[in-house]
PDB file of all heavy atoms in Angstrom:
ATOM      1  N   VAL A   1      10.505   6.392  -5.542  1.00  0.00           N
ATOM      2  CA  VAL A   1      10.535   5.014  -5.062  1.00  0.00           C
ATOM      3  C   VAL A   1       9.563   4.900  -3.896  1.00  0.00           C
ATOM      4  O   VAL A   1       9.411   5.845  -3.114  1.00  0.00           O
ATOM      5  CB  VAL A   1      11.967   4.597  -4.652  1.00  0.00           C
ATOM      6  CG1 VAL A   1      12.490   5.442  -3.498  1.00  0.00           C
ATOM      7  CG2 VAL A   1      12.022   3.112  -4.285  1.00  0.00           C
ATOM      8  N   PHE A   2       8.900   3.745  -3.787  1.00  0.00           N
ATOM      9  CA  PHE A   2       7.924   3.567  -2.713  1.00  0.00           C
ATOM     10  C   PHE A   2       7.788   2.081  -2.383  1.00  0.00           C
ATOM     11  O   PHE A   2       8.220   1.203  -3.139  1.00  0.00           O
ATOM     12  CB  PHE A   2       6.560   4.155  -3.099  1.00  0.00           C
ATOM     13  CG  PHE A   2       6.009   3.670  -4.411  1.00  0.00           C
ATOM     14  CD1 PHE A   2       5.207   2.533  -4.473  1.00  0.00           C
ATOM     15  CD2 PHE A   2       6.284   4.353  -5.594  1.00  0.00           C
ATOM     16  CE1 PHE A   2       4.699   2.086  -5.678  1.00  0.00           C
ATOM     17  CE2 PHE A   2       5.780   3.915  -6.809  1.00  0.00           C
ATOM     18  CZ  PHE A   2       4.983   2.786  -6.864  1.00  0.00           C
ATOM     19  N   ILE A   3       7.178   1.818  -1.240  1.00  0.00           N
ATOM     20  CA  ILE A   3       6.880   0.451  -0.829  1.00  0.00           C
ATOM     21  C   ILE A   3       5.806  -0.137  -1.746  1.00  0.00           C
ATOM     22  O   ILE A   3       4.798   0.513  -2.027  1.00  0.00           O
ATOM     23  CB  ILE A   3       6.364   0.416   0.619  1.00  0.00           C
ATOM     24  CG1 ILE A   3       7.409   0.945   1.598  1.00  0.00           C
ATOM     25  CG2 ILE A   3       5.937  -0.995   1.007  1.00  0.00           C
ATOM     26  CD1 ILE A   3       6.857   1.171   2.994  1.00  0.00           C
ATOM     27  N   HIS A   4       6.022  -1.371  -2.178  1.00  0.00           N
ATOM     28  CA  HIS A   4       5.008  -2.078  -2.967  1.00  0.00           C
ATOM     29  C   HIS A   4       4.908  -3.496  -2.417  1.00  0.00           C
ATOM     30  O   HIS A   4       5.901  -4.209  -2.305  1.00  0.00           O
ATOM     31  CB  HIS A   4       5.409  -2.123  -4.440  1.00  0.00           C
ATOM     32  CG  HIS A   4       4.279  -2.442  -5.382  1.00  0.00           C
ATOM     33  ND1 HIS A   4       3.558  -3.624  -5.329  1.00  0.00           N
ATOM     34  CD2 HIS A   4       3.743  -1.721  -6.409  1.00  0.00           C
ATOM     35  CE1 HIS A   4       2.638  -3.618  -6.281  1.00  0.00           C
ATOM     36  NE2 HIS A   4       2.723  -2.475  -6.954  1.00  0.00           N
ATOM     37  N   GLY A   5       3.709  -3.928  -2.060  1.00  0.00           N
ATOM     38  CA  GLY A   5       3.508  -5.292  -1.604  1.00  0.00           C
ATOM     39  C   GLY A   5       3.587  -6.285  -2.748  1.00  0.00           C
ATOM     40  O   GLY A   5       3.502  -5.917  -3.923  1.00  0.00           O
ATOM     41  N   LEU A   6       3.743  -7.562  -2.418  1.00  0.00           N
ATOM     42  CA  LEU A   6       3.799  -8.600  -3.447  1.00  0.00           C
ATOM     43  C   LEU A   6       2.450  -8.718  -4.151  1.00  0.00           C
ATOM     44  O   LEU A   6       1.397  -8.654  -3.529  1.00  0.00           O
ATOM     45  CB  LEU A   6       4.191  -9.937  -2.830  1.00  0.00           C
ATOM     46  CG  LEU A   6       5.569  -9.997  -2.165  1.00  0.00           C
ATOM     47  CD1 LEU A   6       5.872 -11.424  -1.732  1.00  0.00           C
ATOM     48  CD2 LEU A   6       6.659  -9.478  -3.087  1.00  0.00           C
ATOM     49  N   LYS A   7       2.504  -8.950  -5.458  1.00  0.00           N
ATOM     50  CA  LYS A   7       1.294  -8.945  -6.263  1.00  0.00           C
ATOM     51  C   LYS A   7       0.449 -10.202  -6.110  1.00  0.00           C
ATOM     52  O   LYS A   7      -0.665 -10.264  -6.634  1.00  0.00           O
ATOM     53  CB  LYS A   7       1.652  -8.725  -7.733  1.00  0.00           C
ATOM     54  CG  LYS A   7       2.225  -7.331  -7.994  1.00  0.00           C
ATOM     55  CD  LYS A   7       2.523  -7.104  -9.462  1.00  0.00           C
ATOM     56  CE  LYS A   7       3.060  -5.699  -9.707  1.00  0.00           C
ATOM     57  NZ  LYS A   7       3.369  -5.460 -11.138  1.00  0.00           N
ATOM     58  N   ASP A   8       0.958 -11.207  -5.384  1.00  0.00           N
ATOM     59  CA  ASP A   8       0.148 -12.401  -5.147  1.00  0.00           C
ATOM     60  C   ASP A   8      -0.620 -12.302  -3.826  1.00  0.00           C
ATOM     61  O   ASP A   8      -1.063 -13.314  -3.286  1.00  0.00           O
ATOM     62  CB  ASP A   8       1.025 -13.648  -5.150  1.00  0.00           C
ATOM     63  CG  ASP A   8       1.973 -13.704  -3.959  1.00  0.00           C
ATOM     64  OD1 ASP A   8       2.219 -12.640  -3.338  1.00  0.00           O
ATOM     65  OD2 ASP A   8       2.477 -14.800  -3.638  1.00  0.00           O
ATOM     66  N   ALA A   9      -0.801 -11.080  -3.316  1.00  0.00           N
ATOM     67  CA  ALA A   9      -1.479 -10.887  -2.032  1.00  0.00           C
ATOM     68  C   ALA A   9      -2.869 -11.511  -2.044  1.00  0.00           C
ATOM     69  O   ALA A   9      -3.607 -11.430  -3.035  1.00  0.00           O
ATOM     70  CB  ALA A   9      -1.571  -9.399  -1.717  1.00  0.00           C
ATOM     71  N   SER A  10      -3.224 -12.127  -0.915  1.00  0.00           N
ATOM     72  CA  SER A  10      -4.523 -12.784  -0.789  1.00  0.00           C
ATOM     73  C   SER A  10      -4.914 -12.816   0.683  1.00  0.00           C
ATOM     74  O   SER A  10      -4.155 -12.364   1.550  1.00  0.00           O
ATOM     75  CB  SER A  10      -4.449 -14.213  -1.329  1.00  0.00           C
ATOM     76  OG  SER A  10      -3.551 -14.989  -0.541  1.00  0.00           O
ATOM     77  N   ARG A  11      -6.082 -13.379   0.981  1.00  0.00           N
ATOM     78  CA  ARG A  11      -6.518 -13.517   2.366  1.00  0.00           C
ATOM     79  C   ARG A  11      -5.497 -14.339   3.161  1.00  0.00           C
ATOM     80  O   ARG A  11      -5.177 -14.030   4.300  1.00  0.00           O
ATOM     81  CB  ARG A  11      -7.875 -14.204   2.431  1.00  0.00           C
ATOM     82  CG  ARG A  11      -8.397 -14.402   3.866  1.00  0.00           C
ATOM     83  CD  ARG A  11      -9.588 -15.364   3.873  1.00  0.00           C
ATOM     84  NE  ARG A  11     -10.721 -14.815   3.158  1.00  0.00           N
ATOM     85  CZ  ARG A  11     -11.679 -14.089   3.716  1.00  0.00           C
ATOM     86  NH1 ARG A  11     -11.629 -13.810   5.017  1.00  0.00           N
ATOM     87  NH2 ARG A  11     -12.678 -13.639   2.997  1.00  0.00           N
ATOM     88  N   GLU A  12      -4.962 -15.376   2.542  1.00  0.00           N
ATOM     89  CA  GLU A  12      -3.995 -16.247   3.211  1.00  0.00           C
ATOM     90  C   GLU A  12      -2.614 -15.612   3.295  1.00  0.00           C
ATOM     91  O   GLU A  12      -1.860 -15.873   4.233  1.00  0.00           O
ATOM     92  CB  GLU A  12      -3.896 -17.589   2.477  1.00  0.00           C
ATOM     93  CG  GLU A  12      -5.152 -18.430   2.518  1.00  0.00           C
ATOM     94  CD  GLU A  12      -6.261 -17.892   1.616  1.00  0.00           C
ATOM     95  OE1 GLU A  12      -5.938 -17.208   0.616  1.00  0.00           O
ATOM     96  OE2 GLU A  12      -7.450 -18.140   1.930  1.00  0.00           O
ATOM     97  N   ASN A  13      -2.268 -14.788   2.323  1.00  0.00           N
ATOM     98  CA  ASN A  13      -0.952 -14.152   2.277  1.00  0.00           C
ATOM     99  C   ASN A  13      -1.102 -12.655   2.003  1.00  0.00           C
ATOM    100  O   ASN A  13      -0.834 -12.182   0.894  1.00  0.00           O
ATOM    101  CB  ASN A  13      -0.078 -14.794   1.198  1.00  0.00           C
ATOM    102  CG  ASN A  13       0.296 -16.214   1.532  1.00  0.00           C
ATOM    103  OD1 ASN A  13       1.043 -16.462   2.474  1.00  0.00           O
ATOM    104  ND2 ASN A  13      -0.254 -17.154   0.767  1.00  0.00           N
ATOM    105  N   PRO A  14      -1.536 -11.891   2.994  1.00  0.00           N
ATOM    106  CA  PRO A  14      -1.749 -10.449   2.796  1.00  0.00           C
ATOM    107  C   PRO A  14      -0.430  -9.671   2.832  1.00  0.00           C
ATOM    108  O   PRO A  14       0.628 -10.231   3.122  1.00  0.00           O
ATOM    109  CB  PRO A  14      -2.629 -10.076   3.979  1.00  0.00           C
ATOM    110  CG  PRO A  14      -2.194 -11.021   5.064  1.00  0.00           C
ATOM    111  CD  PRO A  14      -1.897 -12.323   4.360  1.00  0.00           C
ATOM    112  N   TYR A  15      -0.542  -8.389   2.540  1.00  0.00           N
ATOM    113  CA  TYR A  15       0.600  -7.480   2.700  1.00  0.00           C
ATOM    114  C   TYR A  15       1.182  -7.642   4.098  1.00  0.00           C
ATOM    115  O   TYR A  15       0.451  -7.713   5.082  1.00  0.00           O
ATOM    116  CB  TYR A  15       0.130  -6.042   2.494  1.00  0.00           C
ATOM    117  CG  TYR A  15       1.158  -4.990   2.874  1.00  0.00           C
ATOM    118  CD1 TYR A  15       2.076  -4.528   1.952  1.00  0.00           C
ATOM    119  CD2 TYR A  15       1.187  -4.464   4.166  1.00  0.00           C
ATOM    120  CE1 TYR A  15       3.012  -3.564   2.298  1.00  0.00           C
ATOM    121  CE2 TYR A  15       2.124  -3.509   4.524  1.00  0.00           C
ATOM    122  CZ  TYR A  15       3.038  -3.059   3.585  1.00  0.00           C
ATOM    123  OH  TYR A  15       3.967  -2.116   3.937  1.00  0.00           O
ATOM    124  N   ASP A  16       2.505  -7.696   4.176  1.00  0.00           N
ATOM    125  CA  ASP A  16       3.147  -7.878   5.475  1.00  0.00           C
ATOM    126  C   ASP A  16       4.563  -7.345   5.414  1.00  0.00           C
ATOM    127  O   ASP A  16       5.091  -7.034   4.344  1.00  0.00           O
ATOM    128  CB  ASP A  16       3.147  -9.364   5.850  1.00  0.00           C
ATOM    129  CG  ASP A  16       3.412  -9.594   7.338  1.00  0.00           C
ATOM    130  OD1 ASP A  16       3.325  -8.623   8.106  1.00  0.00           O
ATOM    131  OD2 ASP A  16       3.718 -10.733   7.712  1.00  0.00           O
ATOM    132  N   PHE A  17       5.198  -7.253   6.592  1.00  0.00           N
ATOM    133  CA  PHE A  17       6.555  -6.718   6.693  1.00  0.00           C
ATOM    134  C   PHE A  17       7.534  -7.429   5.764  1.00  0.00           C
ATOM    135  O   PHE A  17       8.443  -6.803   5.225  1.00  0.00           O
ATOM    136  CB  PHE A  17       7.070  -6.839   8.131  1.00  0.00           C
ATOM    137  CG  PHE A  17       6.462  -5.869   9.090  1.00  0.00           C
ATOM    138  CD1 PHE A  17       6.681  -6.002  10.454  1.00  0.00           C
ATOM    139  CD2 PHE A  17       5.679  -4.822   8.654  1.00  0.00           C
ATOM    140  CE1 PHE A  17       6.130  -5.105  11.359  1.00  0.00           C
ATOM    141  CE2 PHE A  17       5.110  -3.922   9.534  1.00  0.00           C
ATOM    142  CZ  PHE A  17       5.341  -4.062  10.896  1.00  0.00           C
ATOM    143  N   THR A  18       7.399  -8.740   5.616  1.00  0.00           N
ATOM    144  CA  THR A  18       8.360  -9.499   4.822  1.00  0.00           C
ATOM    145  C   THR A  18       7.884  -9.746   3.394  1.00  0.00           C
ATOM    146  O   THR A  18       8.534 -10.480   2.639  1.00  0.00           O
ATOM    147  CB  THR A  18       8.668 -10.855   5.495  1.00  0.00           C
ATOM    148  OG1 THR A  18       7.472 -11.631   5.543  1.00  0.00           O
ATOM    149  CG2 THR A  18       9.205 -10.653   6.901  1.00  0.00           C
ATOM    150  N   ARG A  19       6.771  -9.130   3.022  1.00  0.00           N
ATOM    151  CA  ARG A  19       6.208  -9.333   1.680  1.00  0.00           C
ATOM    152  C   ARG A  19       6.039  -7.989   0.974  1.00  0.00           C
ATOM    153  O   ARG A  19       4.942  -7.559   0.652  1.00  0.00           O
ATOM    154  CB  ARG A  19       4.867 -10.070   1.778  1.00  0.00           C
ATOM    155  CG  ARG A  19       4.998 -11.529   2.205  1.00  0.00           C
ATOM    156  CD  ARG A  19       3.623 -12.186   2.410  1.00  0.00           C
ATOM    157  NE  ARG A  19       2.683 -11.870   1.331  1.00  0.00           N
ATOM    158  CZ  ARG A  19       2.650 -12.486   0.143  1.00  0.00           C
ATOM    159  NH1 ARG A  19       3.520 -13.456  -0.124  1.00  0.00           N
ATOM    160  NH2 ARG A  19       1.750 -12.150  -0.762  1.00  0.00           N
ATOM    161  N   ARG A  20       7.142  -7.309   0.754  1.00  0.00           N
ATOM    162  CA  ARG A  20       7.116  -6.013   0.085  1.00  0.00           C
ATOM    163  C   ARG A  20       8.483  -5.721  -0.519  1.00  0.00           C
ATOM    164  O   ARG A  20       9.488  -6.328  -0.154  1.00  0.00           O
ATOM    165  CB  ARG A  20       6.687  -4.917   1.062  1.00  0.00           C
ATOM    166  CG  ARG A  20       7.480  -4.868   2.364  1.00  0.00           C
ATOM    167  CD  ARG A  20       6.843  -3.908   3.350  1.00  0.00           C
ATOM    168  NE  ARG A  20       7.568  -3.851   4.617  1.00  0.00           N
ATOM    169  CZ  ARG A  20       7.228  -3.070   5.637  1.00  0.00           C
ATOM    170  NH1 ARG A  20       6.174  -2.263   5.532  1.00  0.00           N
ATOM    171  NH2 ARG A  20       7.918  -3.073   6.764  1.00  0.00           N
ATOM    172  N   PHE A  21       8.522  -4.737  -1.418  1.00  0.00           N
ATOM    173  CA  PHE A  21       9.771  -4.407  -2.115  1.00  0.00           C
ATOM    174  C   PHE A  21       9.733  -2.949  -2.560  1.00  0.00           C
ATOM    175  O   PHE A  21       8.705  -2.261  -2.422  1.00  0.00           O
ATOM    176  CB  PHE A  21       9.978  -5.337  -3.322  1.00  0.00           C
ATOM    177  CG  PHE A  21       8.923  -5.194  -4.400  1.00  0.00           C
ATOM    178  CD1 PHE A  21       9.120  -4.368  -5.491  1.00  0.00           C
ATOM    179  CD2 PHE A  21       7.728  -5.904  -4.316  1.00  0.00           C
ATOM    180  CE1 PHE A  21       8.157  -4.240  -6.478  1.00  0.00           C
ATOM    181  CE2 PHE A  21       6.751  -5.794  -5.301  1.00  0.00           C
ATOM    182  CZ  PHE A  21       6.969  -4.953  -6.384  1.00  0.00           C
ATOM    183  N   ALA A  22      10.846  -2.490  -3.113  1.00  0.00           N
ATOM    184  CA  ALA A  22      10.960  -1.112  -3.582  1.00  0.00           C
ATOM    185  C   ALA A  22      10.541  -1.038  -5.048  1.00  0.00           C
ATOM    186  O   ALA A  22      11.150  -1.678  -5.912  1.00  0.00           O
ATOM    187  CB  ALA A  22      12.389  -0.611  -3.425  1.00  0.00           C
ATOM    188  N   MET A  23       9.506  -0.259  -5.324  1.00  0.00           N
ATOM    189  CA  MET A  23       9.079  -0.018  -6.703  1.00  0.00           C
ATOM    190  C   MET A  23       9.555   1.373  -7.127  1.00  0.00           C
ATOM    191  O   MET A  23       9.336   2.357  -6.421  1.00  0.00           O
ATOM    192  CB  MET A  23       7.561  -0.098  -6.833  1.00  0.00           C
ATOM    193  CG  MET A  23       7.045   0.171  -8.246  1.00  0.00           C
ATOM    194  SD  MET A  23       7.489  -1.109  -9.425  1.00  0.00           S
ATOM    195  CE  MET A  23       6.121  -2.262  -9.176  1.00  0.00           C
ATOM    196  N   LYS A  24      10.186   1.426  -8.300  1.00  0.00           N
ATOM    197  CA  LYS A  24      10.651   2.696  -8.849  1.00  0.00           C
ATOM    198  C   LYS A  24       9.746   3.124  -9.994  1.00  0.00           C
ATOM    199  O   LYS A  24       9.326   2.290 -10.814  1.00  0.00           O
ATOM    200  CB  LYS A  24      12.081   2.540  -9.385  1.00  0.00           C
ATOM    201  CG  LYS A  24      12.702   3.844  -9.849  1.00  0.00           C
ATOM    202  CD  LYS A  24      13.922   3.599 -10.714  1.00  0.00           C
ATOM    203  CE  LYS A  24      13.542   3.433 -12.170  1.00  0.00           C
ATOM    204  NZ  LYS A  24      14.717   3.435 -13.074  1.00  0.00           N
ATOM    205  N   VAL A  25       9.441   4.412 -10.058  1.00  0.00           N
ATOM    206  CA  VAL A  25       8.709   4.964 -11.191  1.00  0.00           C
ATOM    207  C   VAL A  25       9.513   6.107 -11.788  1.00  0.00           C
ATOM    208  O   VAL A  25       9.872   7.056 -11.090  1.00  0.00           O
ATOM    209  CB  VAL A  25       7.307   5.467 -10.786  1.00  0.00           C
ATOM    210  CG1 VAL A  25       6.631   6.151 -11.967  1.00  0.00           C
ATOM    211  CG2 VAL A  25       6.441   4.329 -10.274  1.00  0.00           C
ATOM    212  N   GLN A  26       9.817   5.979 -13.072  1.00  0.00           N
ATOM    213  CA  GLN A  26      10.432   7.071 -13.823  1.00  0.00           C
ATOM    214  C   GLN A  26       9.301   7.905 -14.420  1.00  0.00           C
ATOM    215  O   GLN A  26       8.501   7.418 -15.218  1.00  0.00           O
ATOM    216  CB  GLN A  26      11.323   6.514 -14.927  1.00  0.00           C
ATOM    217  CG  GLN A  26      11.971   7.580 -15.801  1.00  0.00           C
ATOM    218  CD  GLN A  26      12.753   6.950 -16.940  1.00  0.00           C
ATOM    219  OE1 GLN A  26      13.362   5.892 -16.785  1.00  0.00           O
ATOM    220  NE2 GLN A  26      12.711   7.595 -18.098  1.00  0.00           N
ATOM    221  N   ILE A  27       9.225   9.177 -14.013  1.00  0.00           N
ATOM    222  CA  ILE A  27       8.111  10.037 -14.412  1.00  0.00           C
ATOM    223  C   ILE A  27       8.455  10.757 -15.713  1.00  0.00           C
ATOM    224  O   ILE A  27       9.452  11.487 -15.794  1.00  0.00           O
ATOM    225  CB  ILE A  27       7.794  11.063 -13.311  1.00  0.00           C
ATOM    226  CG1 ILE A  27       7.472  10.340 -11.996  1.00  0.00           C
ATOM    227  CG2 ILE A  27       6.644  11.962 -13.724  1.00  0.00           C
ATOM    228  CD1 ILE A  27       7.312  11.265 -10.814  1.00  0.00           C
ATOM    229  N   ASN A  28       7.635  10.540 -16.735  1.00  0.00           N
ATOM    230  CA  ASN A  28       7.850  11.166 -18.039  1.00  0.00           C
ATOM    231  C   ASN A  28       6.771  12.202 -18.318  1.00  0.00           C
ATOM    232  O   ASN A  28       5.617  12.038 -17.910  1.00  0.00           O
ATOM    233  CB  ASN A  28       7.838  10.103 -19.144  1.00  0.00           C
ATOM    234  CG  ASN A  28       8.952   9.080 -18.963  1.00  0.00           C
ATOM    235  OD1 ASN A  28      10.064   9.438 -18.604  1.00  0.00           O
ATOM    236  ND2 ASN A  28       8.642   7.814 -19.204  1.00  0.00           N
ATOM    237  N   LYS A  29       7.134  13.262 -19.014  1.00  0.00           N
ATOM    238  CA  LYS A  29       6.194  14.346 -19.290  1.00  0.00           C
ATOM    239  C   LYS A  29       4.979  13.872 -20.079  1.00  0.00           C
ATOM    240  O   LYS A  29       3.876  14.384 -19.912  1.00  0.00           O
ATOM    241  CB  LYS A  29       6.904  15.475 -20.034  1.00  0.00           C
ATOM    242  CG  LYS A  29       7.921  16.244 -19.187  1.00  0.00           C
ATOM    243  CD  LYS A  29       8.531  17.393 -19.964  1.00  0.00           C
ATOM    244  CE  LYS A  29       9.498  18.177 -19.107  1.00  0.00           C
ATOM    245  NZ  LYS A  29      10.126  19.313 -19.852  1.00  0.00           N
ATOM    246  N   ALA A  30       5.171  12.898 -20.942  1.00  0.00           N
ATOM    247  CA  ALA A  30       4.068  12.423 -21.773  1.00  0.00           C
ATOM    248  C   ALA A  30       3.072  11.583 -20.984  1.00  0.00           C
ATOM    249  O   ALA A  30       2.004  11.244 -21.501  1.00  0.00           O
ATOM    250  CB  ALA A  30       4.616  11.608 -22.940  1.00  0.00           C
ATOM    251  N   GLY A  31       3.426  11.242 -19.748  1.00  0.00           N
ATOM    252  CA  GLY A  31       2.522  10.458 -18.925  1.00  0.00           C
ATOM    253  C   GLY A  31       2.736   8.966 -19.016  1.00  0.00           C
ATOM    254  O   GLY A  31       2.096   8.187 -18.290  1.00  0.00           O
TER     255      GLY A  31
END
């Protein structure tokens, strides 16, 4: 799990403390 910023990030709305969430990745052997 890691920090992920909102995908609508822009010059007007960049990555910020209140614009992020927890992204989970399930790692599989096949890639």
